[in-house]
Amino acid sequence: MSTVAERVIRAFGAVPVADINNWRKWWSTRLSMLAAALAAAATAYNAMPDGWRAALPDWVGTVLGGAAVVVAALIPLARGVSQPALERGE
């Protein structure tokens, strides 16, 4: 039985990796989700009305945006990191 992730990958004409069911354990996936959350928080901060934003420190938007960029830069590095527990099936 195929997973949703596997069906989505095949819908794009690509072949999924053998351990597609472990996608939740991949550090690159975790970092991708964190980068997306940080970017969304930075966007939400910038979209706030001025009165709301005034209640928060000025550096909040910069820190959120900068953290999103740093985490996004780590994603390609995480793809090359060995995960022994994952390889053992844990």
PDB file of N, CA and C in Angstrom:
ATOM      1  N   MET A   1       0.841  -1.180   0.000  1.00  0.00           N
ATOM      2  CA  MET A   1       0.000   0.000   0.000  1.00  0.00           C
ATOM      3  C   MET A   1       0.886   1.243   0.000  1.00  0.00           C
ATOM      4  N   SER A   2       0.570   2.196  -0.859  1.00  0.00           N
ATOM      5  CA  SER A   2       1.396   3.392  -0.952  1.00  0.00           C
ATOM      6  C   SER A   2       0.893   4.471   0.005  1.00  0.00           C
ATOM      7  N   THR A   3       1.830   5.270   0.460  1.00  0.00           N
ATOM      8  CA  THR A   3       1.492   6.369   1.355  1.00  0.00           C
ATOM      9  C   THR A   3       1.102   7.585   0.535  1.00  0.00           C
ATOM     10  N   VAL A   4       0.564   8.580   1.201  1.00  0.00           N
ATOM     11  CA  VAL A   4       0.196   9.819   0.523  1.00  0.00           C
ATOM     12  C   VAL A   4       1.448  10.461  -0.066  1.00  0.00           C
ATOM     13  N   ALA A   5       2.531  10.481   0.710  1.00  0.00           N
ATOM     14  CA  ALA A   5       3.778  11.078   0.219  1.00  0.00           C
ATOM     15  C   ALA A   5       4.259  10.376  -1.042  1.00  0.00           C
ATOM     16  N   GLU A   6       4.174   9.067  -1.056  1.00  0.00           N
ATOM     17  CA  GLU A   6       4.613   8.303  -2.217  1.00  0.00           C
ATOM     18  C   GLU A   6       3.740   8.615  -3.439  1.00  0.00           C
ATOM     19  N   ARG A   7       2.438   8.721  -3.243  1.00  0.00           N
ATOM     20  CA  ARG A   7       1.532   9.031  -4.354  1.00  0.00           C
ATOM     21  C   ARG A   7       1.782  10.428  -4.900  1.00  0.00           C
ATOM     22  N   VAL A   8       2.048  11.375  -4.005  1.00  0.00           N
ATOM     23  CA  VAL A   8       2.330  12.748  -4.452  1.00  0.00           C
ATOM     24  C   VAL A   8       3.605  12.778  -5.274  1.00  0.00           C
ATOM     25  N   ILE A   9       4.639  12.092  -4.808  1.00  0.00           N
ATOM     26  CA  ILE A   9       5.903  12.056  -5.540  1.00  0.00           C
ATOM     27  C   ILE A   9       5.708  11.425  -6.906  1.00  0.00           C
ATOM     28  N   ARG A  10       4.976  10.333  -6.959  1.00  0.00           N
ATOM     29  CA  ARG A  10       4.729   9.656  -8.247  1.00  0.00           C
ATOM     30  C   ARG A  10       3.870  10.519  -9.176  1.00  0.00           C
ATOM     31  N   ALA A  11       2.984  11.344  -8.607  1.00  0.00           N
ATOM     32  CA  ALA A  11       2.147  12.223  -9.426  1.00  0.00           C
ATOM     33  C   ALA A  11       2.980  13.232 -10.207  1.00  0.00           C
ATOM     34  N   PHE A  12       4.141  13.583  -9.666  1.00  0.00           N
ATOM     35  CA  PHE A  12       5.049  14.498 -10.347  1.00  0.00           C
ATOM     36  C   PHE A  12       5.978  13.770 -11.312  1.00  0.00           C
ATOM     37  N   GLY A  13       5.781  12.465 -11.458  1.00  0.00           N
ATOM     38  CA  GLY A  13       6.595  11.693 -12.380  1.00  0.00           C
ATOM     39  C   GLY A  13       7.938  11.292 -11.821  1.00  0.00           C
ATOM     40  N   ALA A  14       8.127  11.417 -10.504  1.00  0.00           N
ATOM     41  CA  ALA A  14       9.386  11.060  -9.862  1.00  0.00           C
ATOM     42  C   ALA A  14       9.247   9.704  -9.167  1.00  0.00           C
ATOM     43  N   VAL A  15      10.370   9.141  -8.826  1.00  0.00           N
ATOM     44  CA  VAL A  15      10.388   7.855  -8.138  1.00  0.00           C
ATOM     45  C   VAL A  15      10.761   8.115  -6.674  1.00  0.00           C
ATOM     46  N   PRO A  16       9.936   7.691  -5.726  1.00  0.00           N
ATOM     47  CA  PRO A  16      10.254   7.918  -4.311  1.00  0.00           C
ATOM     48  C   PRO A  16      11.424   7.060  -3.847  1.00  0.00           C
ATOM     49  N   VAL A  17      12.105   7.528  -2.802  1.00  0.00           N
ATOM     50  CA  VAL A  17      13.197   6.754  -2.222  1.00  0.00           C
ATOM     51  C   VAL A  17      12.619   5.524  -1.526  1.00  0.00           C
ATOM     52  N   ALA A  18      13.466   4.544  -1.290  1.00  0.00           N
ATOM     53  CA  ALA A  18      13.008   3.274  -0.719  1.00  0.00           C
ATOM     54  C   ALA A  18      12.416   3.437   0.678  1.00  0.00           C
ATOM     55  N   ASP A  19      12.948   4.381   1.453  1.00  0.00           N
ATOM     56  CA  ASP A  19      12.465   4.552   2.826  1.00  0.00           C
ATOM     57  C   ASP A  19      11.561   5.776   2.967  1.00  0.00           C
ATOM     58  N   ILE A  20      10.683   5.989   2.007  1.00  0.00           N
ATOM     59  CA  ILE A  20       9.797   7.153   2.010  1.00  0.00           C
ATOM     60  C   ILE A  20       8.944   7.241   3.271  1.00  0.00           C
ATOM     61  N   ASN A  21       8.642   6.106   3.878  1.00  0.00           N
ATOM     62  CA  ASN A  21       7.819   6.121   5.093  1.00  0.00           C
ATOM     63  C   ASN A  21       8.538   6.732   6.284  1.00  0.00           C
ATOM     64  N   ASN A  22       9.840   6.953   6.170  1.00  0.00           N
ATOM     65  CA  ASN A  22      10.610   7.568   7.250  1.00  0.00           C
ATOM     66  C   ASN A  22      10.763   9.075   7.084  1.00  0.00           C
ATOM     67  N   TRP A  23      10.012   9.708   6.201  1.00  0.00           N
ATOM     68  CA  TRP A  23      10.197  11.122   5.904  1.00  0.00           C
ATOM     69  C   TRP A  23      10.113  12.007   7.149  1.00  0.00           C
ATOM     70  N   ARG A  24       9.320  11.603   8.150  1.00  0.00           N
ATOM     71  CA  ARG A  24       9.181  12.403   9.371  1.00  0.00           C
ATOM     72  C   ARG A  24      10.467  12.438  10.191  1.00  0.00           C
ATOM     73  N   LYS A  25      11.328  11.461   9.984  1.00  0.00           N
ATOM     74  CA  LYS A  25      12.554  11.354  10.771  1.00  0.00           C
ATOM     75  C   LYS A  25      13.746  12.050  10.111  1.00  0.00           C
ATOM     76  N   TRP A  26      13.606  12.476   8.864  1.00  0.00           N
ATOM     77  CA  TRP A  26      14.720  13.096   8.149  1.00  0.00           C
ATOM     78  C   TRP A  26      14.948  14.507   8.670  1.00  0.00           C
ATOM     79  N   TRP A  27      16.184  14.826   9.000  1.00  0.00           N
ATOM     80  CA  TRP A  27      16.507  16.156   9.513  1.00  0.00           C
ATOM     81  C   TRP A  27      16.230  17.228   8.477  1.00  0.00           C
ATOM     82  N   SER A  28      16.445  16.932   7.212  1.00  0.00           N
ATOM     83  CA  SER A  28      16.172  17.927   6.180  1.00  0.00           C
ATOM     84  C   SER A  28      14.684  18.297   6.157  1.00  0.00           C
ATOM     85  N   THR A  29      13.821  17.316   6.393  1.00  0.00           N
ATOM     86  CA  THR A  29      12.383  17.587   6.439  1.00  0.00           C
ATOM     87  C   THR A  29      12.031  18.413   7.667  1.00  0.00           C
ATOM     88  N   ARG A  30      12.612  18.064   8.785  1.00  0.00           N
ATOM     89  CA  ARG A  30      12.341  18.815  10.016  1.00  0.00           C
ATOM     90  C   ARG A  30      12.798  20.269   9.880  1.00  0.00           C
ATOM     91  N   LEU A  31      13.988  20.454   9.301  1.00  0.00           N
ATOM     92  CA  LEU A  31      14.493  21.810   9.123  1.00  0.00           C
ATOM     93  C   LEU A  31      13.652  22.584   8.118  1.00  0.00           C
ATOM     94  N   SER A  32      13.145  21.917   7.090  1.00  0.00           N
ATOM     95  CA  SER A  32      12.269  22.574   6.114  1.00  0.00           C
ATOM     96  C   SER A  32      11.004  23.094   6.791  1.00  0.00           C
ATOM     97  N   MET A  33      10.431  22.274   7.651  1.00  0.00           N
ATOM     98  CA  MET A  33       9.217  22.685   8.363  1.00  0.00           C
ATOM     99  C   MET A  33       9.511  23.847   9.315  1.00  0.00           C
ATOM    100  N   LEU A  34      10.664  23.801   9.987  1.00  0.00           N
ATOM    101  CA  LEU A  34      11.038  24.882  10.896  1.00  0.00           C
ATOM    102  C   LEU A  34      11.274  26.173  10.125  1.00  0.00           C
ATOM    103  N   ALA A  35      11.970  26.101   8.996  1.00  0.00           N
ATOM    104  CA  ALA A  35      12.215  27.292   8.179  1.00  0.00           C
ATOM    105  C   ALA A  35      10.904  27.901   7.691  1.00  0.00           C
ATOM    106  N   ALA A  36       9.977  27.056   7.277  1.00  0.00           N
ATOM    107  CA  ALA A  36       8.675  27.547   6.816  1.00  0.00           C
ATOM    108  C   ALA A  36       7.917  28.228   7.953  1.00  0.00           C
ATOM    109  N   ALA A  37       7.972  27.645   9.142  1.00  0.00           N
ATOM    110  CA  ALA A  37       7.275  28.235  10.293  1.00  0.00           C
ATOM    111  C   ALA A  37       7.889  29.588  10.672  1.00  0.00           C
ATOM    112  N   LEU A  38       9.223  29.666  10.663  1.00  0.00           N
ATOM    113  CA  LEU A  38       9.892  30.933  10.983  1.00  0.00           C
ATOM    114  C   LEU A  38       9.576  32.002   9.944  1.00  0.00           C
ATOM    115  N   ALA A  39       9.593  31.621   8.674  1.00  0.00           N
ATOM    116  CA  ALA A  39       9.274  32.579   7.611  1.00  0.00           C
ATOM    117  C   ALA A  39       7.831  33.052   7.725  1.00  0.00           C
ATOM    118  N   ALA A  40       6.924  32.138   8.053  1.00  0.00           N
ATOM    119  CA  ALA A  40       5.515  32.515   8.229  1.00  0.00           C
ATOM    120  C   ALA A  40       5.349  33.458   9.418  1.00  0.00           C
ATOM    121  N   ALA A  41       6.080  33.202  10.498  1.00  0.00           N
ATOM    122  CA  ALA A  41       6.001  34.080  11.667  1.00  0.00           C
ATOM    123  C   ALA A  41       6.552  35.470  11.338  1.00  0.00           C
ATOM    124  N   ALA A  42       7.646  35.528  10.568  1.00  0.00           N
ATOM    125  CA  ALA A  42       8.207  36.821  10.170  1.00  0.00           C
ATOM    126  C   ALA A  42       7.230  37.578   9.278  1.00  0.00           C
ATOM    127  N   THR A  43       6.578  36.868   8.377  1.00  0.00           N
ATOM    128  CA  THR A  43       5.593  37.498   7.497  1.00  0.00           C
ATOM    129  C   THR A  43       4.396  37.998   8.302  1.00  0.00           C
ATOM    130  N   ALA A  44       3.939  37.198   9.240  1.00  0.00           N
ATOM    131  CA  ALA A  44       2.817  37.610  10.088  1.00  0.00           C
ATOM    132  C   ALA A  44       3.187  38.837  10.921  1.00  0.00           C
ATOM    133  N   TYR A  45       4.415  38.872  11.430  1.00  0.00           N
ATOM    134  CA  TYR A  45       4.879  40.025  12.205  1.00  0.00           C
ATOM    135  C   TYR A  45       4.838  41.286  11.347  1.00  0.00           C
ATOM    136  N   ASN A  46       5.325  41.172  10.118  1.00  0.00           N
ATOM    137  CA  ASN A  46       5.352  42.338   9.232  1.00  0.00           C
ATOM    138  C   ASN A  46       3.958  42.757   8.782  1.00  0.00           C
ATOM    139  N   ALA A  47       3.004  41.849   8.808  1.00  0.00           N
ATOM    140  CA  ALA A  47       1.635  42.155   8.392  1.00  0.00           C
ATOM    141  C   ALA A  47       0.776  42.698   9.534  1.00  0.00           C
ATOM    142  N   MET A  48       1.315  42.674  10.752  1.00  0.00           N
ATOM    143  CA  MET A  48       0.554  43.159  11.911  1.00  0.00           C
ATOM    144  C   MET A  48       0.278  44.652  11.790  1.00  0.00           C
ATOM    145  N   PRO A  49      -0.841  45.091  12.329  1.00  0.00           N
ATOM    146  CA  PRO A  49      -1.088  46.532  12.409  1.00  0.00           C
ATOM    147  C   PRO A  49       0.020  47.203  13.238  1.00  0.00           C
ATOM    148  N   ASP A  50       0.299  48.447  12.928  1.00  0.00           N
ATOM    149  CA  ASP A  50       1.384  49.161  13.603  1.00  0.00           C
ATOM    150  C   ASP A  50       1.230  49.173  15.120  1.00  0.00           C
ATOM    151  N   GLY A  51      -0.003  49.282  15.594  1.00  0.00           N
ATOM    152  CA  GLY A  51      -0.227  49.308  17.041  1.00  0.00           C
ATOM    153  C   GLY A  51       0.180  48.004  17.711  1.00  0.00           C
ATOM    154  N   TRP A  52      -0.061  46.900  17.060  1.00  0.00           N
ATOM    155  CA  TRP A  52       0.320  45.604  17.621  1.00  0.00           C
ATOM    156  C   TRP A  52       1.825  45.427  17.577  1.00  0.00           C
ATOM    157  N   ARG A  53       2.397  45.809  16.444  1.00  0.00           N
ATOM    158  CA  ARG A  53       3.839  45.655  16.284  1.00  0.00           C
ATOM    159  C   ARG A  53       4.593  46.527  17.284  1.00  0.00           C
ATOM    160  N   ALA A  54       4.023  47.663  17.646  1.00  0.00           N
ATOM    161  CA  ALA A  54       4.666  48.566  18.603  1.00  0.00           C
ATOM    162  C   ALA A  54       4.787  47.933  19.985  1.00  0.00           C
ATOM    163  N   ALA A  55       3.927  46.962  20.278  1.00  0.00           N
ATOM    164  CA  ALA A  55       3.965  46.291  21.579  1.00  0.00           C
ATOM    165  C   ALA A  55       5.106  45.278  21.668  1.00  0.00           C
ATOM    166  N   LEU A  56       5.730  44.960  20.540  1.00  0.00           N
ATOM    167  CA  LEU A  56       6.831  43.992  20.508  1.00  0.00           C
ATOM    168  C   LEU A  56       8.148  44.715  20.243  1.00  0.00           C
ATOM    169  N   PRO A  57       9.259  44.142  20.662  1.00  0.00           N
ATOM    170  CA  PRO A  57      10.554  44.770  20.377  1.00  0.00           C
ATOM    171  C   PRO A  57      10.799  44.881  18.867  1.00  0.00           C
ATOM    172  N   ASP A  58      11.545  45.896  18.465  1.00  0.00           N
ATOM    173  CA  ASP A  58      11.815  46.137  17.045  1.00  0.00           C
ATOM    174  C   ASP A  58      12.584  45.000  16.383  1.00  0.00           C
ATOM    175  N   TRP A  59      13.361  44.267  17.142  1.00  0.00           N
ATOM    176  CA  TRP A  59      14.224  43.235  16.568  1.00  0.00           C
ATOM    177  C   TRP A  59      13.495  41.920  16.266  1.00  0.00           C
ATOM    178  N   VAL A  60      12.256  41.786  16.654  1.00  0.00           N
ATOM    179  CA  VAL A  60      11.541  40.515  16.488  1.00  0.00           C
ATOM    180  C   VAL A  60      11.467  40.083  15.016  1.00  0.00           C
ATOM    181  N   GLY A  61      11.068  40.980  14.136  1.00  0.00           N
ATOM    182  CA  GLY A  61      10.963  40.638  12.718  1.00  0.00           C
ATOM    183  C   GLY A  61      12.303  40.262  12.118  1.00  0.00           C
ATOM    184  N   THR A  62      13.350  40.988  12.510  1.00  0.00           N
ATOM    185  CA  THR A  62      14.691  40.702  11.996  1.00  0.00           C
ATOM    186  C   THR A  62      15.176  39.336  12.460  1.00  0.00           C
ATOM    187  N   VAL A  63      14.957  39.023  13.727  1.00  0.00           N
ATOM    188  CA  VAL A  63      15.391  37.728  14.265  1.00  0.00           C
ATOM    189  C   VAL A  63      14.630  36.579  13.599  1.00  0.00           C
ATOM    190  N   LEU A  64      13.322  36.724  13.436  1.00  0.00           N
ATOM    191  CA  LEU A  64      12.532  35.668  12.796  1.00  0.00           C
ATOM    192  C   LEU A  64      12.970  35.445  11.350  1.00  0.00           C
ATOM    193  N   GLY A  65      13.122  36.531  10.604  1.00  0.00           N
ATOM    194  CA  GLY A  65      13.553  36.415   9.213  1.00  0.00           C
ATOM    195  C   GLY A  65      14.959  35.853   9.092  1.00  0.00           C
ATOM    196  N   GLY A  66      15.875  36.345   9.950  1.00  0.00           N
ATOM    197  CA  GLY A  66      17.251  35.846   9.927  1.00  0.00           C
ATOM    198  C   GLY A  66      17.335  34.379  10.300  1.00  0.00           C
ATOM    199  N   ALA A  67      16.563  33.974  11.295  1.00  0.00           N
ATOM    200  CA  ALA A  67      16.560  32.563  11.706  1.00  0.00           C
ATOM    201  C   ALA A  67      16.030  31.684  10.583  1.00  0.00           C
ATOM    202  N   ALA A  68      15.013  32.164   9.855  1.00  0.00           N
ATOM    203  CA  ALA A  68      14.479  31.390   8.732  1.00  0.00           C
ATOM    204  C   ALA A  68      15.542  31.188   7.661  1.00  0.00           C
ATOM    205  N   VAL A  69      16.325  32.220   7.392  1.00  0.00           N
ATOM    206  CA  VAL A  69      17.389  32.116   6.382  1.00  0.00           C
ATOM    207  C   VAL A  69      18.470  31.143   6.835  1.00  0.00           C
ATOM    208  N   VAL A  70      18.873  31.227   8.099  1.00  0.00           N
ATOM    209  CA  VAL A  70      19.919  30.333   8.619  1.00  0.00           C
ATOM    210  C   VAL A  70      19.458  28.883   8.584  1.00  0.00           C
ATOM    211  N   VAL A  71      18.248  28.628   9.038  1.00  0.00           N
ATOM    212  CA  VAL A  71      17.733  27.258   9.038  1.00  0.00           C
ATOM    213  C   VAL A  71      17.598  26.738   7.604  1.00  0.00           C
ATOM    214  N   ALA A  72      17.137  27.590   6.688  1.00  0.00           N
ATOM    215  CA  ALA A  72      17.008  27.177   5.288  1.00  0.00           C
ATOM    216  C   ALA A  72      18.379  26.835   4.698  1.00  0.00           C
ATOM    217  N   ALA A  73      19.424  27.533   5.132  1.00  0.00           N
ATOM    218  CA  ALA A  73      20.774  27.236   4.643  1.00  0.00           C
ATOM    219  C   ALA A  73      21.291  25.900   5.176  1.00  0.00           C
ATOM    220  N   LEU A  74      20.777  25.447   6.301  1.00  0.00           N
ATOM    221  CA  LEU A  74      21.199  24.172   6.885  1.00  0.00           C
ATOM    222  C   LEU A  74      20.540  22.957   6.217  1.00  0.00           C
ATOM    223  N   ILE A  75      19.459  23.172   5.504  1.00  0.00           N
ATOM    224  CA  ILE A  75      18.713  22.053   4.912  1.00  0.00           C
ATOM    225  C   ILE A  75      19.577  21.214   3.968  1.00  0.00           C
ATOM    226  N   PRO A  76      20.296  21.824   3.012  1.00  0.00           N
ATOM    227  CA  PRO A  76      21.127  20.986   2.131  1.00  0.00           C
ATOM    228  C   PRO A  76      22.213  20.227   2.891  1.00  0.00           C
ATOM    229  N   LEU A  77      22.739  20.822   3.949  1.00  0.00           N
ATOM    230  CA  LEU A  77      23.746  20.124   4.755  1.00  0.00           C
ATOM    231  C   LEU A  77      23.144  18.911   5.454  1.00  0.00           C
ATOM    232  N   ALA A  78      21.906  19.048   5.918  1.00  0.00           N
ATOM    233  CA  ALA A  78      21.257  17.948   6.634  1.00  0.00           C
ATOM    234  C   ALA A  78      21.030  16.740   5.729  1.00  0.00           C
ATOM    235  N   ARG A  79      20.907  16.964   4.445  1.00  0.00           N
ATOM    236  CA  ARG A  79      20.698  15.849   3.511  1.00  0.00           C
ATOM    237  C   ARG A  79      21.892  14.911   3.479  1.00  0.00           C
ATOM    238  N   GLY A  80      23.074  15.437   3.766  1.00  0.00           N
ATOM    239  CA  GLY A  80      24.271  14.610   3.711  1.00  0.00           C
ATOM    240  C   GLY A  80      24.683  13.993   5.030  1.00  0.00           C
ATOM    241  N   VAL A  81      23.926  14.256   6.078  1.00  0.00           N
ATOM    242  CA  VAL A  81      24.268  13.745   7.410  1.00  0.00           C
ATOM    243  C   VAL A  81      23.753  12.326   7.572  1.00  0.00           C
ATOM    244  N   SER A  82      24.622  11.454   8.017  1.00  0.00           N
ATOM    245  CA  SER A  82      24.225  10.071   8.276  1.00  0.00           C
ATOM    246  C   SER A  82      23.342  10.017   9.512  1.00  0.00           C
ATOM    247  N   GLN A  83      22.295   9.204   9.451  1.00  0.00           N
ATOM    248  CA  GLN A  83      21.401   9.027  10.581  1.00  0.00           C
ATOM    249  C   GLN A  83      21.372   7.535  10.913  1.00  0.00           C
ATOM    250  N   PRO A  84      22.338   7.084  11.729  1.00  0.00           N
ATOM    251  CA  PRO A  84      22.454   5.647  12.021  1.00  0.00           C
ATOM    252  C   PRO A  84      21.184   5.020  12.577  1.00  0.00           C
ATOM    253  N   ALA A  85      20.484   5.698  13.471  1.00  0.00           N
ATOM    254  CA  ALA A  85      19.255   5.144  14.049  1.00  0.00           C
ATOM    255  C   ALA A  85      18.211   4.915  12.958  1.00  0.00           C
ATOM    256  N   LEU A  86      18.137   5.827  12.023  1.00  0.00           N
ATOM    257  CA  LEU A  86      17.190   5.700  10.927  1.00  0.00           C
ATOM    258  C   LEU A  86      17.576   4.548  10.018  1.00  0.00           C
ATOM    259  N   GLU A  87      18.871   4.416   9.769  1.00  0.00           N
ATOM    260  CA  GLU A  87      19.351   3.324   8.911  1.00  0.00           C
ATOM    261  C   GLU A  87      19.127   1.960   9.558  1.00  0.00           C
ATOM    262  N   ARG A  88      19.118   1.923  10.905  1.00  0.00           N
ATOM    263  CA  ARG A  88      18.860   0.659  11.604  1.00  0.00           C
ATOM    264  C   ARG A  88      17.358   0.370  11.690  1.00  0.00           C
ATOM    265  N   GLY A  89      16.540   1.323  11.276  1.00  0.00           N
ATOM    266  CA  GLY A  89      15.089   1.112  11.299  1.00  0.00           C
ATOM    267  C   GLY A  89      14.441   1.508  12.596  1.00  0.00           C
ATOM    268  N   GLU A  90      15.111   2.306  13.394  1.00  0.00           N
ATOM    269  CA  GLU A  90      14.548   2.734  14.685  1.00  0.00           C
ATOM    270  C   GLU A  90      13.639   3.915  14.517  1.00  0.00           C
TER     271      GLU A  90
END
